Amino acid sequence: MLSHSNEASAARVLGRILDETARVPMAEVDGKPLYVTFSAGLATHGTSRQFADARSLLQAADDALYGAKREGRNRVSQHGQ
């Protein structure tokens, strides 16, 4: 949850986290670096989109996450795009 963030700034924050996570090894296995990636779903509530309640907002973010997983790894997917 990124309060007081619009869709563009939230996407930038997630993009930076995504890039940094992929760049920095999380562990070492048998002397070799282990890198991890992740995907994220983004939904925002504000002037362009309104959700009836928090559950609807979280469902939209979850739907976007599964969209990101379908599209491949290591990406951010925005609800409605």
N, C-alpha and C. Protein backbone atom coordinates (compact mmCIF):
# COMPACT_ATOMS: atom_id res chain seq x y z
N MET A 1 0.84 -1.16 0.00
CA MET A 1 0.00 0.00 0.00
C MET A 1 0.90 1.24 0.00
N LEU A 2 0.66 2.10 -0.95
CA LEU A 2 1.38 3.37 -1.03
C LEU A 2 0.34 4.49 -0.94
N SER A 3 0.12 4.95 0.25
CA SER A 3 -0.87 6.02 0.41
C SER A 3 -0.33 7.32 -0.17
N HIS A 4 -1.22 8.15 -0.62
CA HIS A 4 -0.88 9.46 -1.18
C HIS A 4 -0.01 9.35 -2.44
N SER A 5 -0.17 8.27 -3.18
CA SER A 5 0.57 8.09 -4.43
C SER A 5 -0.41 7.92 -5.57
N ASN A 6 -0.13 8.57 -6.68
CA ASN A 6 -0.96 8.34 -7.85
C ASN A 6 -0.42 7.12 -8.60
N GLU A 7 -1.11 6.74 -9.67
CA GLU A 7 -0.74 5.54 -10.40
C GLU A 7 0.67 5.62 -10.97
N ALA A 8 1.03 6.75 -11.52
CA ALA A 8 2.37 6.90 -12.13
C ALA A 8 3.47 6.79 -11.08
N SER A 9 3.30 7.44 -9.95
CA SER A 9 4.36 7.39 -8.93
C SER A 9 4.43 6.00 -8.29
N ALA A 10 3.29 5.37 -8.10
CA ALA A 10 3.30 4.01 -7.55
C ALA A 10 3.99 3.04 -8.52
N ALA A 11 3.73 3.20 -9.81
CA ALA A 11 4.38 2.35 -10.82
C ALA A 11 5.89 2.58 -10.82
N ARG A 12 6.33 3.82 -10.65
CA ARG A 12 7.77 4.11 -10.60
C ARG A 12 8.42 3.45 -9.38
N VAL A 13 7.75 3.54 -8.23
CA VAL A 13 8.29 2.92 -7.01
C VAL A 13 8.40 1.41 -7.21
N LEU A 14 7.34 0.80 -7.70
CA LEU A 14 7.38 -0.65 -7.93
C LEU A 14 8.45 -1.02 -8.96
N GLY A 15 8.61 -0.21 -9.98
CA GLY A 15 9.65 -0.47 -10.99
C GLY A 15 11.04 -0.43 -10.39
N ARG A 16 11.29 0.54 -9.52
CA ARG A 16 12.61 0.63 -8.87
C ARG A 16 12.85 -0.58 -7.96
N ILE A 17 11.82 -0.99 -7.21
CA ILE A 17 11.95 -2.16 -6.33
C ILE A 17 12.21 -3.40 -7.18
N LEU A 18 11.48 -3.53 -8.26
CA LEU A 18 11.63 -4.67 -9.16
C LEU A 18 13.05 -4.73 -9.72
N ASP A 19 13.56 -3.61 -10.20
CA ASP A 19 14.90 -3.56 -10.77
C ASP A 19 15.97 -3.89 -9.73
N GLU A 20 15.83 -3.32 -8.57
CA GLU A 20 16.84 -3.53 -7.52
C GLU A 20 16.81 -4.98 -7.03
N THR A 21 15.63 -5.55 -6.91
CA THR A 21 15.51 -6.94 -6.47
C THR A 21 16.19 -7.88 -7.47
N ALA A 22 16.00 -7.63 -8.75
CA ALA A 22 16.61 -8.48 -9.78
C ALA A 22 18.13 -8.29 -9.86
N ARG A 23 18.61 -7.11 -9.48
CA ARG A 23 20.03 -6.77 -9.61
C ARG A 23 20.88 -7.31 -8.47
N VAL A 24 20.33 -7.36 -7.28
CA VAL A 24 21.10 -7.72 -6.09
C VAL A 24 20.86 -9.20 -5.73
N PRO A 25 21.92 -9.99 -5.63
CA PRO A 25 21.74 -11.39 -5.23
C PRO A 25 21.16 -11.48 -3.82
N MET A 26 20.20 -12.37 -3.64
CA MET A 26 19.55 -12.53 -2.34
C MET A 26 20.29 -13.52 -1.45
N ALA A 27 21.05 -14.41 -2.07
CA ALA A 27 21.78 -15.43 -1.32
C ALA A 27 22.87 -15.98 -2.23
N GLU A 28 23.61 -16.91 -1.67
CA GLU A 28 24.64 -17.61 -2.44
C GLU A 28 24.41 -19.10 -2.24
N VAL A 29 24.38 -19.84 -3.34
CA VAL A 29 24.19 -21.28 -3.30
C VAL A 29 25.36 -21.93 -4.02
N ASP A 30 26.05 -22.79 -3.32
CA ASP A 30 27.23 -23.46 -3.88
C ASP A 30 28.21 -22.46 -4.49
N GLY A 31 28.37 -21.34 -3.81
CA GLY A 31 29.32 -20.33 -4.25
C GLY A 31 28.85 -19.46 -5.40
N LYS A 32 27.61 -19.63 -5.82
CA LYS A 32 27.07 -18.84 -6.93
C LYS A 32 25.93 -17.95 -6.42
N PRO A 33 25.84 -16.73 -6.96
CA PRO A 33 24.78 -15.83 -6.50
C PRO A 33 23.40 -16.34 -6.93
N LEU A 34 22.44 -16.17 -6.04
CA LEU A 34 21.05 -16.53 -6.32
C LEU A 34 20.24 -15.24 -6.46
N TYR A 35 19.69 -15.04 -7.63
CA TYR A 35 18.89 -13.86 -7.91
C TYR A 35 17.42 -14.25 -7.88
N VAL A 36 16.59 -13.36 -7.44
CA VAL A 36 15.15 -13.58 -7.44
C VAL A 36 14.47 -12.46 -8.22
N THR A 37 13.31 -12.76 -8.71
CA THR A 37 12.48 -11.76 -9.37
C THR A 37 11.09 -11.85 -8.77
N PHE A 38 10.28 -10.87 -9.07
CA PHE A 38 8.89 -10.91 -8.63
C PHE A 38 8.03 -10.13 -9.61
N SER A 39 6.76 -10.37 -9.52
CA SER A 39 5.80 -9.61 -10.29
C SER A 39 4.86 -8.93 -9.31
N ALA A 40 4.27 -7.83 -9.73
CA ALA A 40 3.38 -7.08 -8.86
C ALA A 40 2.16 -6.62 -9.62
N GLY A 41 1.06 -6.52 -8.90
CA GLY A 41 -0.16 -5.96 -9.46
C GLY A 41 -0.43 -4.61 -8.83
N LEU A 42 -0.85 -3.66 -9.63
CA LEU A 42 -1.06 -2.29 -9.16
C LEU A 42 -2.49 -1.86 -9.46
N ALA A 43 -3.15 -1.37 -8.44
CA ALA A 43 -4.48 -0.77 -8.60
C ALA A 43 -4.50 0.48 -7.74
N THR A 44 -5.07 1.54 -8.27
CA THR A 44 -5.13 2.80 -7.51
C THR A 44 -6.57 3.27 -7.39
N HIS A 45 -6.82 3.94 -6.32
CA HIS A 45 -8.13 4.51 -6.04
C HIS A 45 -7.96 6.02 -6.04
N GLY A 46 -8.68 6.70 -6.87
CA GLY A 46 -8.51 8.15 -6.92
C GLY A 46 -9.40 8.77 -7.96
N THR A 47 -8.90 9.78 -8.59
CA THR A 47 -9.72 10.55 -9.51
C THR A 47 -10.11 9.78 -10.76
N SER A 48 -9.23 8.91 -11.26
CA SER A 48 -9.55 8.20 -12.51
C SER A 48 -10.29 6.89 -12.26
N ARG A 49 -10.11 6.29 -11.10
CA ARG A 49 -10.79 5.03 -10.77
C ARG A 49 -11.30 5.08 -9.34
N GLN A 50 -12.51 4.64 -9.16
CA GLN A 50 -13.10 4.58 -7.83
C GLN A 50 -13.52 3.13 -7.55
N PHE A 51 -13.22 2.64 -6.38
CA PHE A 51 -13.63 1.31 -5.95
C PHE A 51 -14.63 1.46 -4.81
N ALA A 52 -15.58 0.56 -4.76
CA ALA A 52 -16.64 0.64 -3.75
C ALA A 52 -16.10 0.48 -2.34
N ASP A 53 -15.07 -0.34 -2.19
CA ASP A 53 -14.51 -0.59 -0.86
C ASP A 53 -13.09 -1.14 -1.00
N ALA A 54 -12.44 -1.33 0.14
CA ALA A 54 -11.06 -1.81 0.15
C ALA A 54 -10.95 -3.20 -0.47
N ARG A 55 -11.94 -4.03 -0.25
CA ARG A 55 -11.92 -5.38 -0.81
C ARG A 55 -11.88 -5.33 -2.34
N SER A 56 -12.66 -4.43 -2.93
CA SER A 56 -12.68 -4.29 -4.39
C SER A 56 -11.34 -3.79 -4.91
N LEU A 57 -10.72 -2.87 -4.19
CA LEU A 57 -9.41 -2.36 -4.58
C LEU A 57 -8.36 -3.47 -4.52
N LEU A 58 -8.36 -4.25 -3.44
CA LEU A 58 -7.41 -5.35 -3.31
C LEU A 58 -7.65 -6.42 -4.37
N GLN A 59 -8.91 -6.67 -4.71
CA GLN A 59 -9.21 -7.65 -5.75
C GLN A 59 -8.67 -7.18 -7.10
N ALA A 60 -8.80 -5.88 -7.37
CA ALA A 60 -8.27 -5.33 -8.62
C ALA A 60 -6.75 -5.48 -8.67
N ALA A 61 -6.07 -5.23 -7.56
CA ALA A 61 -4.60 -5.40 -7.51
C ALA A 61 -4.24 -6.87 -7.69
N ASP A 62 -5.00 -7.76 -7.08
CA ASP A 62 -4.76 -9.19 -7.22
C ASP A 62 -4.96 -9.64 -8.68
N ASP A 63 -6.01 -9.14 -9.31
CA ASP A 63 -6.25 -9.45 -10.72
C ASP A 63 -5.08 -8.97 -11.59
N ALA A 64 -4.58 -7.77 -11.28
CA ALA A 64 -3.44 -7.24 -12.02
C ALA A 64 -2.20 -8.09 -11.79
N LEU A 65 -2.01 -8.58 -10.57
CA LEU A 65 -0.88 -9.46 -10.28
C LEU A 65 -0.93 -10.72 -11.13
N TYR A 66 -2.09 -11.34 -11.21
CA TYR A 66 -2.20 -12.55 -12.02
C TYR A 66 -2.02 -12.23 -13.50
N GLY A 67 -2.41 -11.04 -13.92
CA GLY A 67 -2.12 -10.61 -15.29
C GLY A 67 -0.63 -10.50 -15.53
N ALA A 68 0.10 -9.97 -14.55
CA ALA A 68 1.56 -9.86 -14.67
C ALA A 68 2.19 -11.24 -14.76
N LYS A 69 1.70 -12.17 -13.98
CA LYS A 69 2.24 -13.53 -14.02
C LYS A 69 1.98 -14.19 -15.37
N ARG A 70 0.82 -13.93 -15.95
CA ARG A 70 0.51 -14.49 -17.27
C ARG A 70 1.41 -13.90 -18.34
N GLU A 71 1.78 -12.63 -18.20
CA GLU A 71 2.59 -11.94 -19.20
C GLU A 71 4.07 -12.31 -19.12
N GLY A 72 4.47 -12.90 -18.03
CA GLY A 72 5.88 -13.27 -17.86
C GLY A 72 6.34 -12.91 -16.47
N ARG A 73 7.63 -12.98 -16.27
CA ARG A 73 8.19 -12.70 -14.95
C ARG A 73 8.72 -11.28 -14.85
N ASN A 74 8.91 -10.89 -13.58
CA ASN A 74 9.64 -9.67 -13.29
C ASN A 74 9.00 -8.46 -13.95
N ARG A 75 7.73 -8.23 -13.62
CA ARG A 75 7.02 -7.11 -14.23
C ARG A 75 5.93 -6.59 -13.30
N VAL A 76 5.49 -5.40 -13.61
CA VAL A 76 4.37 -4.76 -12.91
C VAL A 76 3.23 -4.65 -13.90
N SER A 77 2.06 -5.07 -13.48
CA SER A 77 0.87 -4.94 -14.31
C SER A 77 -0.12 -4.03 -13.59
N GLN A 78 -0.69 -3.11 -14.34
CA GLN A 78 -1.64 -2.16 -13.75
C GLN A 78 -3.06 -2.57 -14.08
N HIS A 79 -3.93 -2.47 -13.11
CA HIS A 79 -5.33 -2.80 -13.29
C HIS A 79 -5.91 -1.94 -14.41
N GLY A 80 -6.64 -2.57 -15.30
CA GLY A 80 -7.29 -1.84 -16.38
C GLY A 80 -6.42 -1.58 -17.58
N GLN A 81 -5.20 -2.11 -17.59
CA GLN A 81 -4.32 -1.91 -18.75
C GLN A 81 -3.89 -3.23 -19.33
